[in-house]
C-alpha atoms as a PDB file:
ATOM      1  CA  UNK A   1     -68.574  14.897  -1.831  1.00  0.00           C
ATOM      2  CA  UNK A   2     -66.681  12.200  -0.792  1.00  0.00           C
ATOM      3  CA  UNK A   3     -62.953  12.724  -1.525  1.00  0.00           C
ATOM      4  CA  UNK A   4     -59.479  11.162  -0.695  1.00  0.00           C
ATOM      5  CA  UNK A   5     -58.954  11.063   3.284  1.00  0.00           C
ATOM      6  CA  UNK A   6     -56.497  14.285   4.338  1.00  0.00           C
ATOM      7  CA  UNK A   7     -53.258  12.937   5.501  1.00  0.00           C
ATOM      8  CA  UNK A   8     -51.884  15.246   8.097  1.00  0.00           C
ATOM      9  CA  UNK A   9     -48.614  14.002   7.727  1.00  0.00           C
ATOM     10  CA  UNK A  10     -47.092  15.775   4.539  1.00  0.00           C
ATOM     11  CA  UNK A  11     -43.691  14.165   4.787  1.00  0.00           C
ATOM     12  CA  UNK A  12     -44.757  10.762   4.463  1.00  0.00           C
ATOM     13  CA  UNK A  13     -45.935  11.713   1.255  1.00  0.00           C
ATOM     14  CA  UNK A  14     -43.238  14.173   0.140  1.00  0.00           C
ATOM     15  CA  UNK A  15     -39.792  13.580   1.186  1.00  0.00           C
ATOM     16  CA  UNK A  16     -38.754  16.804   0.185  1.00  0.00           C
ATOM     17  CA  UNK A  17     -40.833  18.502   3.114  1.00  0.00           C
ATOM     18  CA  UNK A  18     -38.811  16.147   5.706  1.00  0.00           C
ATOM     19  CA  UNK A  19     -37.262  18.250   8.478  1.00  0.00           C
ATOM     20  CA  UNK A  20     -33.683  18.601   9.307  1.00  0.00           C
ATOM     21  CA  UNK A  21     -31.644  15.401  10.547  1.00  0.00           C
ATOM     22  CA  UNK A  22     -30.603  15.782  13.611  1.00  0.00           C
ATOM     23  CA  UNK A  23     -26.992  16.063  14.894  1.00  0.00           C
ATOM     24  CA  UNK A  24     -26.683  12.230  16.437  1.00  0.00           C
ATOM     25  CA  UNK A  25     -28.150  10.653  13.721  1.00  0.00           C
ATOM     26  CA  UNK A  26     -26.498  12.604  11.132  1.00  0.00           C
ATOM     27  CA  UNK A  27     -23.471  11.587  13.070  1.00  0.00           C
ATOM     28  CA  UNK A  28     -24.427   7.826  13.408  1.00  0.00           C
ATOM     29  CA  UNK A  29     -25.073   8.031   9.544  1.00  0.00           C
ATOM     30  CA  UNK A  30     -21.543   9.460   8.810  1.00  0.00           C
ATOM     31  CA  UNK A  31     -19.730   6.803  10.906  1.00  0.00           C
ATOM     32  CA  UNK A  32     -21.787   3.793   9.498  1.00  0.00           C
ATOM     33  CA  UNK A  33     -21.288   4.814   5.771  1.00  0.00           C
ATOM     34  CA  UNK A  34     -18.071   5.951   6.644  1.00  0.00           C
ATOM     35  CA  UNK A  35     -16.932   2.456   8.119  1.00  0.00           C
ATOM     36  CA  UNK A  36     -18.900   0.679   5.045  1.00  0.00           C
ATOM     37  CA  UNK A  37     -16.683   2.542   2.610  1.00  0.00           C
ATOM     38  CA  UNK A  38     -13.385   2.240   4.242  1.00  0.00           C
ATOM     39  CA  UNK A  39     -14.059  -1.345   4.166  1.00  0.00           C
ATOM     40  CA  UNK A  40     -14.690  -1.603   0.604  1.00  0.00           C
ATOM     41  CA  UNK A  41     -11.899   0.260  -0.083  1.00  0.00           C
ATOM     42  CA  UNK A  42      -9.866  -2.480   2.197  1.00  0.00           C
ATOM     43  CA  UNK A  43     -11.195  -5.027   0.049  1.00  0.00           C
ATOM     44  CA  UNK A  44     -10.323  -3.084  -3.285  1.00  0.00           C
ATOM     45  CA  UNK A  45      -6.804  -2.721  -2.041  1.00  0.00           C
ATOM     46  CA  UNK A  46      -6.675  -6.445  -0.967  1.00  0.00           C
ATOM     47  CA  UNK A  47      -7.743  -7.411  -4.534  1.00  0.00           C
ATOM     48  CA  UNK A  48      -5.152  -5.246  -6.359  1.00  0.00           C
ATOM     49  CA  UNK A  49      -2.575  -6.376  -3.944  1.00  0.00           C
ATOM     50  CA  UNK A  50      -3.366  -9.727  -4.917  1.00  0.00           C
ATOM     51  CA  UNK A  51      -3.740  -9.627  -8.422  1.00  0.00           C
ATOM     52  CA  UNK A  52      -0.317  -7.769  -8.661  1.00  0.00           C
ATOM     53  CA  UNK A  53       1.287 -10.652  -6.828  1.00  0.00           C
ATOM     54  CA  UNK A  54      -0.127 -13.321  -8.838  1.00  0.00           C
ATOM     55  CA  UNK A  55       0.743 -11.519 -11.686  1.00  0.00           C
ATOM     56  CA  UNK A  56       4.432 -11.306 -10.871  1.00  0.00           C
ATOM     57  CA  UNK A  57       4.476 -14.513 -10.160  1.00  0.00           C
ATOM     58  CA  UNK A  58       2.522 -15.784 -13.770  1.00  0.00           C
ATOM     59  CA  UNK A  59       5.573 -13.830 -15.360  1.00  0.00           C
ATOM     60  CA  UNK A  60       8.137 -15.406 -13.093  1.00  0.00           C
ATOM     61  CA  UNK A  61       6.924 -18.806 -13.958  1.00  0.00           C
ATOM     62  CA  UNK A  62       7.311 -18.134 -18.037  1.00  0.00           C
ATOM     63  CA  UNK A  63      10.950 -17.057 -17.361  1.00  0.00           C
ATOM     64  CA  UNK A  64      11.868 -20.027 -15.242  1.00  0.00           C
ATOM     65  CA  UNK A  65      10.153 -22.278 -17.773  1.00  0.00           C
ATOM     66  CA  UNK A  66      12.313 -20.674 -20.908  1.00  0.00           C
ATOM     67  CA  UNK A  67      15.386 -21.358 -18.639  1.00  0.00           C
ATOM     68  CA  UNK A  68      14.165 -25.294 -18.158  1.00  0.00           C
ATOM     69  CA  UNK A  69      16.973 -27.925 -19.992  1.00  0.00           C
ATOM     70  CA  UNK A  70      14.280 -30.415 -20.451  1.00  0.00           C
ATOM     71  CA  UNK A  71      10.622 -31.206 -20.415  1.00  0.00           C
ATOM     72  CA  UNK A  72      10.799 -32.711 -16.880  1.00  0.00           C
ATOM     73  CA  UNK A  73      11.787 -29.374 -15.225  1.00  0.00           C
ATOM     74  CA  UNK A  74       9.302 -27.466 -16.961  1.00  0.00           C
ATOM     75  CA  UNK A  75       6.652 -30.157 -15.767  1.00  0.00           C
ATOM     76  CA  UNK A  76       7.878 -29.682 -12.046  1.00  0.00           C
ATOM     77  CA  UNK A  77       7.739 -25.946 -12.007  1.00  0.00           C
ATOM     78  CA  UNK A  78       4.510 -26.043 -13.603  1.00  0.00           C
ATOM     79  CA  UNK A  79       3.430 -28.759 -10.772  1.00  0.00           C
ATOM     80  CA  UNK A  80       4.914 -26.286  -7.936  1.00  0.00           C
ATOM     81  CA  UNK A  81       2.970 -23.489  -9.536  1.00  0.00           C
ATOM     82  CA  UNK A  82      -0.308 -25.046  -9.466  1.00  0.00           C
ATOM     83  CA  UNK A  83      -0.169 -26.209  -6.162  1.00  0.00           C
ATOM     84  CA  UNK A  84       1.085 -22.528  -4.667  1.00  0.00           C
ATOM     85  CA  UNK A  85      -1.681 -21.181  -6.675  1.00  0.00           C
ATOM     86  CA  UNK A  86      -4.426 -23.196  -5.632  1.00  0.00           C
ATOM     87  CA  UNK A  87      -2.917 -22.252  -1.566  1.00  0.00           C
ATOM     88  CA  UNK A  88      -2.758 -18.801  -2.586  1.00  0.00           C
ATOM     89  CA  UNK A  89      -6.282 -18.500  -3.747  1.00  0.00           C
ATOM     90  CA  UNK A  90      -7.653 -20.187  -0.831  1.00  0.00           C
ATOM     91  CA  UNK A  91      -5.807 -17.678   1.282  1.00  0.00           C
ATOM     92  CA  UNK A  92      -6.870 -15.048  -0.366  1.00  0.00           C
ATOM     93  CA  UNK A  93     -10.771 -16.178  -0.443  1.00  0.00           C
ATOM     94  CA  UNK A  94     -10.531 -16.202   3.321  1.00  0.00           C
ATOM     95  CA  UNK A  95      -9.038 -12.770   3.420  1.00  0.00           C
ATOM     96  CA  UNK A  96     -11.700 -11.056   1.263  1.00  0.00           C
ATOM     97  CA  UNK A  97     -14.362 -12.705   3.285  1.00  0.00           C
ATOM     98  CA  UNK A  98     -12.707 -11.323   6.463  1.00  0.00           C
ATOM     99  CA  UNK A  99     -12.628  -8.056   4.841  1.00  0.00           C
ATOM    100  CA  UNK A 100     -16.419  -8.448   3.663  1.00  0.00           C
ATOM    101  CA  UNK A 101     -17.808  -9.147   6.888  1.00  0.00           C
ATOM    102  CA  UNK A 102     -15.542  -6.681   8.439  1.00  0.00           C
ATOM    103  CA  UNK A 103     -17.281  -3.802   6.220  1.00  0.00           C
ATOM    104  CA  UNK A 104     -20.625  -5.164   6.392  1.00  0.00           C
ATOM    105  CA  UNK A 105     -20.361  -5.597  10.341  1.00  0.00           C
ATOM    106  CA  UNK A 106     -18.963  -2.229  10.673  1.00  0.00           C
ATOM    107  CA  UNK A 107     -16.144  -2.854  12.576  1.00  0.00           C
ATOM    108  CA  UNK A 108     -13.797  -0.928  11.006  1.00  0.00           C
ATOM    109  CA  UNK A 109     -12.777   2.417  12.765  1.00  0.00           C
ATOM    110  CA  UNK A 110     -12.119   6.023  10.915  1.00  0.00           C
END
């Protein structure tokens, strides 16, 4: 009877039967993923810091505008605020990209 050819490599078809990972492989995987997750945590911490800082600046702008004596003062505050906002977001984007690169490149140390 012509049947399916038998595959002598049972681990290729059934990953549950795979043998144990040697110590060096496990250490390398732990280092790689540890560095990767540290990189993700760094990105998260930086994003949180940036958002917190920007929200504080938004609140400060509202307070400052409420103290203005005329519309020209309010417009000048908004102009300055918007210019700084663009600069802050540009700088933050560069920081996040650098952190993402480090996370992906495994340049972090545990």
